[in-house]
Amino acid sequence: MLLGVTMLLALGSMAQEAAVEPEELPPSIELTLIDGSRLSGVPALTTVPLTTSFAELELPLTQIRSLEIAAVREQVLIVLQNKDKLTGHTKLKEIRLAVL
């Protein structure tokens, strides 16, 4: 069980290095665990479920800049690519990665 996770998307830098459009590359993420360990890879999920005080959302992974999961009660802070912030709860139980 991951008690604290930060997820960062790395879309732009990979696309520039390979000289292809971002849509052609699967989004990669970096998970930083509570102990400081890091995992990088391509996620199996394409959306993140989020329940806020005003709606239930399925946020596309490509619109998320970072996601921080608190150790208590599955509370999350999501920062979108446009730097808007959303807080709420998620039913996300696991993040499966194809490791790079």
N, C-alpha and C. Protein backbone atom coordinates (compact mmCIF):
# COMPACT_ATOMS: atom_id res chain seq x y z
N MET A 1 0.85 -1.18 0.00
CA MET A 1 0.00 0.00 0.00
C MET A 1 0.89 1.24 0.00
N LEU A 2 0.64 2.12 -0.93
CA LEU A 2 1.40 3.36 -1.00
C LEU A 2 0.73 4.38 -0.09
N LEU A 3 1.46 4.90 0.86
CA LEU A 3 0.89 5.85 1.79
C LEU A 3 0.96 7.28 1.29
N GLY A 4 1.93 7.57 0.50
CA GLY A 4 2.04 8.91 -0.05
C GLY A 4 2.70 8.81 -1.41
N VAL A 5 2.08 9.39 -2.41
CA VAL A 5 2.60 9.28 -3.77
C VAL A 5 2.48 10.63 -4.44
N THR A 6 3.50 11.00 -5.17
CA THR A 6 3.42 12.15 -6.06
C THR A 6 3.64 11.64 -7.46
N MET A 7 2.77 12.03 -8.39
CA MET A 7 2.87 11.58 -9.76
C MET A 7 3.09 12.79 -10.66
N LEU A 8 4.11 12.73 -11.48
CA LEU A 8 4.39 13.81 -12.41
C LEU A 8 4.34 13.28 -13.83
N LEU A 9 3.71 14.01 -14.73
CA LEU A 9 3.67 13.63 -16.13
C LEU A 9 4.87 14.20 -16.85
N ALA A 10 5.41 13.44 -17.75
CA ALA A 10 6.54 13.90 -18.57
C ALA A 10 6.16 13.73 -20.02
N LEU A 11 5.39 14.67 -20.55
CA LEU A 11 4.95 14.58 -21.93
C LEU A 11 5.86 15.36 -22.88
N GLY A 12 6.11 16.60 -22.58
CA GLY A 12 6.82 17.49 -23.49
C GLY A 12 8.26 17.13 -23.72
N SER A 13 9.01 16.80 -22.70
CA SER A 13 10.44 16.57 -22.86
C SER A 13 10.73 15.34 -23.71
N MET A 14 9.98 14.27 -23.55
CA MET A 14 10.20 13.08 -24.37
C MET A 14 9.89 13.36 -25.83
N ALA A 15 8.85 14.14 -26.08
CA ALA A 15 8.46 14.43 -27.46
C ALA A 15 9.51 15.28 -28.16
N GLN A 16 10.09 16.24 -27.46
CA GLN A 16 11.10 17.09 -28.07
C GLN A 16 12.36 16.29 -28.38
N GLU A 17 12.76 15.39 -27.50
CA GLU A 17 13.97 14.60 -27.73
C GLU A 17 13.81 13.69 -28.93
N ALA A 18 12.64 13.11 -29.12
CA ALA A 18 12.43 12.17 -30.20
C ALA A 18 11.95 12.85 -31.48
N ALA A 19 11.69 14.15 -31.42
CA ALA A 19 11.23 14.94 -32.58
C ALA A 19 9.94 14.38 -33.18
N VAL A 20 8.99 13.97 -32.32
CA VAL A 20 7.68 13.54 -32.76
C VAL A 20 6.64 14.30 -31.97
N GLU A 21 5.41 14.25 -32.44
CA GLU A 21 4.33 14.94 -31.76
C GLU A 21 3.99 14.24 -30.44
N PRO A 22 3.59 15.01 -29.38
CA PRO A 22 3.26 14.41 -28.09
C PRO A 22 2.16 13.37 -28.17
N GLU A 23 1.21 13.51 -29.11
CA GLU A 23 0.12 12.56 -29.22
C GLU A 23 0.60 11.16 -29.63
N GLU A 24 1.77 11.07 -30.26
CA GLU A 24 2.27 9.79 -30.73
C GLU A 24 2.97 9.00 -29.64
N LEU A 25 3.32 9.65 -28.54
CA LEU A 25 4.01 8.98 -27.45
C LEU A 25 3.06 8.71 -26.30
N PRO A 26 3.16 7.53 -25.67
CA PRO A 26 2.34 7.32 -24.48
C PRO A 26 2.88 8.20 -23.36
N PRO A 27 1.99 8.75 -22.54
CA PRO A 27 2.48 9.58 -21.43
C PRO A 27 3.24 8.73 -20.42
N SER A 28 4.36 9.23 -19.97
CA SER A 28 5.10 8.53 -18.92
C SER A 28 4.89 9.30 -17.63
N ILE A 29 5.02 8.61 -16.52
CA ILE A 29 4.87 9.26 -15.22
C ILE A 29 6.03 8.86 -14.33
N GLU A 30 6.26 9.68 -13.34
CA GLU A 30 7.24 9.36 -12.31
C GLU A 30 6.50 9.35 -10.98
N LEU A 31 6.62 8.24 -10.27
CA LEU A 31 6.01 8.12 -8.95
C LEU A 31 7.10 8.32 -7.91
N THR A 32 6.87 9.21 -6.97
CA THR A 32 7.78 9.40 -5.85
C THR A 32 7.08 8.87 -4.61
N LEU A 33 7.62 7.82 -4.03
CA LEU A 33 7.00 7.19 -2.87
C LEU A 33 7.36 7.96 -1.61
N ILE A 34 6.66 7.67 -0.54
CA ILE A 34 6.84 8.41 0.71
C ILE A 34 8.26 8.31 1.26
N ASP A 35 8.96 7.21 0.94
CA ASP A 35 10.34 7.05 1.41
C ASP A 35 11.37 7.69 0.48
N GLY A 36 10.89 8.36 -0.58
CA GLY A 36 11.78 9.03 -1.51
C GLY A 36 12.15 8.20 -2.73
N SER A 37 11.79 6.92 -2.74
CA SER A 37 12.05 6.07 -3.91
C SER A 37 11.26 6.58 -5.10
N ARG A 38 11.81 6.37 -6.30
CA ARG A 38 11.12 6.83 -7.52
C ARG A 38 10.96 5.68 -8.50
N LEU A 39 9.80 5.65 -9.14
CA LEU A 39 9.51 4.69 -10.20
C LEU A 39 9.07 5.48 -11.42
N SER A 40 9.58 5.11 -12.59
CA SER A 40 9.17 5.75 -13.84
C SER A 40 8.63 4.70 -14.79
N GLY A 41 7.62 5.08 -15.57
CA GLY A 41 7.08 4.15 -16.54
C GLY A 41 5.84 4.69 -17.22
N VAL A 42 5.26 3.84 -18.05
CA VAL A 42 4.04 4.17 -18.77
C VAL A 42 2.88 3.56 -18.00
N PRO A 43 1.90 4.40 -17.59
CA PRO A 43 0.80 3.88 -16.77
C PRO A 43 -0.23 3.12 -17.59
N ALA A 44 -0.88 2.14 -16.95
CA ALA A 44 -1.96 1.41 -17.59
C ALA A 44 -3.24 2.24 -17.62
N LEU A 45 -3.37 3.19 -16.71
CA LEU A 45 -4.59 4.01 -16.65
C LEU A 45 -4.50 5.20 -17.61
N THR A 46 -5.66 5.67 -18.05
CA THR A 46 -5.71 6.85 -18.92
C THR A 46 -6.45 8.01 -18.27
N THR A 47 -7.20 7.70 -17.20
CA THR A 47 -7.93 8.74 -16.47
C THR A 47 -7.75 8.50 -14.97
N VAL A 48 -7.99 9.55 -14.20
CA VAL A 48 -7.94 9.47 -12.74
C VAL A 48 -9.30 9.87 -12.20
N PRO A 49 -9.96 8.98 -11.44
CA PRO A 49 -11.26 9.33 -10.85
C PRO A 49 -11.06 10.30 -9.69
N LEU A 50 -11.89 11.34 -9.65
CA LEU A 50 -11.80 12.33 -8.58
C LEU A 50 -13.21 12.73 -8.17
N THR A 51 -13.48 12.69 -6.87
CA THR A 51 -14.74 13.17 -6.32
C THR A 51 -14.44 14.44 -5.56
N THR A 52 -15.04 15.55 -6.01
CA THR A 52 -14.87 16.84 -5.33
C THR A 52 -16.18 17.19 -4.64
N SER A 53 -16.22 18.34 -4.00
CA SER A 53 -17.45 18.76 -3.33
C SER A 53 -18.54 19.14 -4.33
N PHE A 54 -18.17 19.32 -5.61
CA PHE A 54 -19.16 19.75 -6.59
C PHE A 54 -19.42 18.75 -7.71
N ALA A 55 -18.60 17.72 -7.88
CA ALA A 55 -18.81 16.78 -8.98
C ALA A 55 -17.93 15.55 -8.85
N GLU A 56 -18.33 14.50 -9.59
CA GLU A 56 -17.48 13.33 -9.77
C GLU A 56 -16.87 13.44 -11.16
N LEU A 57 -15.54 13.35 -11.23
CA LEU A 57 -14.83 13.59 -12.48
C LEU A 57 -13.97 12.39 -12.87
N GLU A 58 -13.70 12.25 -14.15
CA GLU A 58 -12.69 11.35 -14.68
C GLU A 58 -11.72 12.25 -15.44
N LEU A 59 -10.60 12.57 -14.83
CA LEU A 59 -9.65 13.49 -15.43
C LEU A 59 -8.68 12.74 -16.34
N PRO A 60 -8.56 13.16 -17.61
CA PRO A 60 -7.59 12.52 -18.50
C PRO A 60 -6.17 12.73 -17.97
N LEU A 61 -5.38 11.70 -18.00
CA LEU A 61 -4.02 11.76 -17.49
C LEU A 61 -3.21 12.83 -18.20
N THR A 62 -3.49 13.07 -19.46
CA THR A 62 -2.74 14.07 -20.23
C THR A 62 -2.99 15.49 -19.75
N GLN A 63 -4.06 15.73 -18.97
CA GLN A 63 -4.35 17.06 -18.46
C GLN A 63 -3.78 17.29 -17.06
N ILE A 64 -3.14 16.27 -16.49
CA ILE A 64 -2.63 16.36 -15.12
C ILE A 64 -1.13 16.62 -15.13
N ARG A 65 -0.72 17.66 -14.42
CA ARG A 65 0.70 17.98 -14.25
C ARG A 65 1.27 17.19 -13.07
N SER A 66 0.54 17.19 -11.95
CA SER A 66 0.97 16.41 -10.79
C SER A 66 -0.24 15.99 -9.98
N LEU A 67 -0.06 14.91 -9.23
CA LEU A 67 -1.12 14.37 -8.39
C LEU A 67 -0.46 13.91 -7.10
N GLU A 68 -0.97 14.39 -5.98
CA GLU A 68 -0.41 14.03 -4.68
C GLU A 68 -1.49 13.33 -3.87
N ILE A 69 -1.19 12.11 -3.46
CA ILE A 69 -2.15 11.33 -2.68
C ILE A 69 -1.72 11.36 -1.22
N ALA A 70 -2.61 11.81 -0.35
CA ALA A 70 -2.30 11.87 1.09
C ALA A 70 -2.38 10.48 1.69
N ALA A 71 -1.72 10.30 2.80
CA ALA A 71 -1.70 9.00 3.47
C ALA A 71 -3.03 8.67 4.14
N VAL A 72 -3.87 9.65 4.34
CA VAL A 72 -5.12 9.46 5.07
C VAL A 72 -6.32 9.67 4.14
N ARG A 73 -7.23 8.75 4.18
CA ARG A 73 -8.55 8.86 3.53
C ARG A 73 -8.53 9.14 2.04
N GLU A 74 -7.48 8.75 1.34
CA GLU A 74 -7.42 8.86 -0.11
C GLU A 74 -7.66 10.28 -0.62
N GLN A 75 -7.26 11.28 0.15
CA GLN A 75 -7.38 12.67 -0.29
C GLN A 75 -6.30 12.96 -1.32
N VAL A 76 -6.65 13.72 -2.35
CA VAL A 76 -5.69 14.04 -3.40
C VAL A 76 -5.68 15.53 -3.70
N LEU A 77 -4.53 15.98 -4.17
CA LEU A 77 -4.36 17.32 -4.71
C LEU A 77 -3.87 17.12 -6.13
N ILE A 78 -4.62 17.62 -7.09
CA ILE A 78 -4.26 17.49 -8.50
C ILE A 78 -3.97 18.87 -9.06
N VAL A 79 -2.81 19.01 -9.68
CA VAL A 79 -2.46 20.24 -10.37
C VAL A 79 -2.55 19.93 -11.87
N LEU A 80 -3.39 20.69 -12.57
CA LEU A 80 -3.58 20.47 -14.00
C LEU A 80 -2.47 21.14 -14.81
N GLN A 81 -2.39 20.81 -16.09
CA GLN A 81 -1.37 21.39 -16.96
C GLN A 81 -1.45 22.92 -16.99
N ASN A 82 -2.66 23.48 -16.88
CA ASN A 82 -2.81 24.94 -16.87
C ASN A 82 -2.59 25.54 -15.48
N LYS A 83 -2.13 24.72 -14.53
CA LYS A 83 -1.79 25.08 -13.15
C LYS A 83 -3.00 25.29 -12.24
N ASP A 84 -4.23 25.00 -12.72
CA ASP A 84 -5.39 24.97 -11.83
C ASP A 84 -5.20 23.82 -10.84
N LYS A 85 -5.78 23.97 -9.64
CA LYS A 85 -5.66 22.94 -8.61
C LYS A 85 -7.04 22.41 -8.24
N LEU A 86 -7.13 21.10 -8.08
CA LEU A 86 -8.35 20.45 -7.64
C LEU A 86 -8.02 19.59 -6.44
N THR A 87 -8.93 19.57 -5.47
CA THR A 87 -8.76 18.68 -4.32
C THR A 87 -10.02 17.84 -4.18
N GLY A 88 -9.85 16.67 -3.63
CA GLY A 88 -10.98 15.78 -3.43
C GLY A 88 -10.51 14.43 -2.97
N HIS A 89 -11.33 13.41 -3.27
CA HIS A 89 -11.02 12.03 -2.91
C HIS A 89 -10.98 11.22 -4.19
N THR A 90 -10.18 10.16 -4.16
CA THR A 90 -10.12 9.29 -5.32
C THR A 90 -10.39 7.85 -4.92
N LYS A 91 -10.90 7.09 -5.87
CA LYS A 91 -11.10 5.65 -5.67
C LYS A 91 -9.96 4.88 -6.31
N LEU A 92 -8.94 5.59 -6.72
CA LEU A 92 -7.76 4.99 -7.33
C LEU A 92 -7.05 4.13 -6.29
N LYS A 93 -7.00 2.83 -6.53
CA LYS A 93 -6.41 1.90 -5.57
C LYS A 93 -4.98 1.53 -5.93
N GLU A 94 -4.65 1.54 -7.21
CA GLU A 94 -3.31 1.17 -7.63
C GLU A 94 -2.95 1.90 -8.92
N ILE A 95 -1.66 2.00 -9.15
CA ILE A 95 -1.17 2.60 -10.39
C ILE A 95 -0.22 1.57 -10.99
N ARG A 96 -0.65 0.91 -12.06
CA ARG A 96 0.20 -0.09 -12.71
C ARG A 96 1.06 0.61 -13.76
N LEU A 97 2.34 0.25 -13.78
CA LEU A 97 3.30 0.85 -14.70
C LEU A 97 3.99 -0.21 -15.53
N ALA A 98 4.20 0.13 -16.82
CA ALA A 98 5.16 -0.62 -17.63
C ALA A 98 6.46 0.16 -17.46
N VAL A 99 7.40 -0.41 -16.75
CA VAL A 99 8.61 0.31 -16.37
C VAL A 99 9.51 0.52 -17.58
N LEU A 100 10.06 1.74 -17.68
CA LEU A 100 10.94 2.08 -18.80
C LEU A 100 12.34 1.56 -18.58
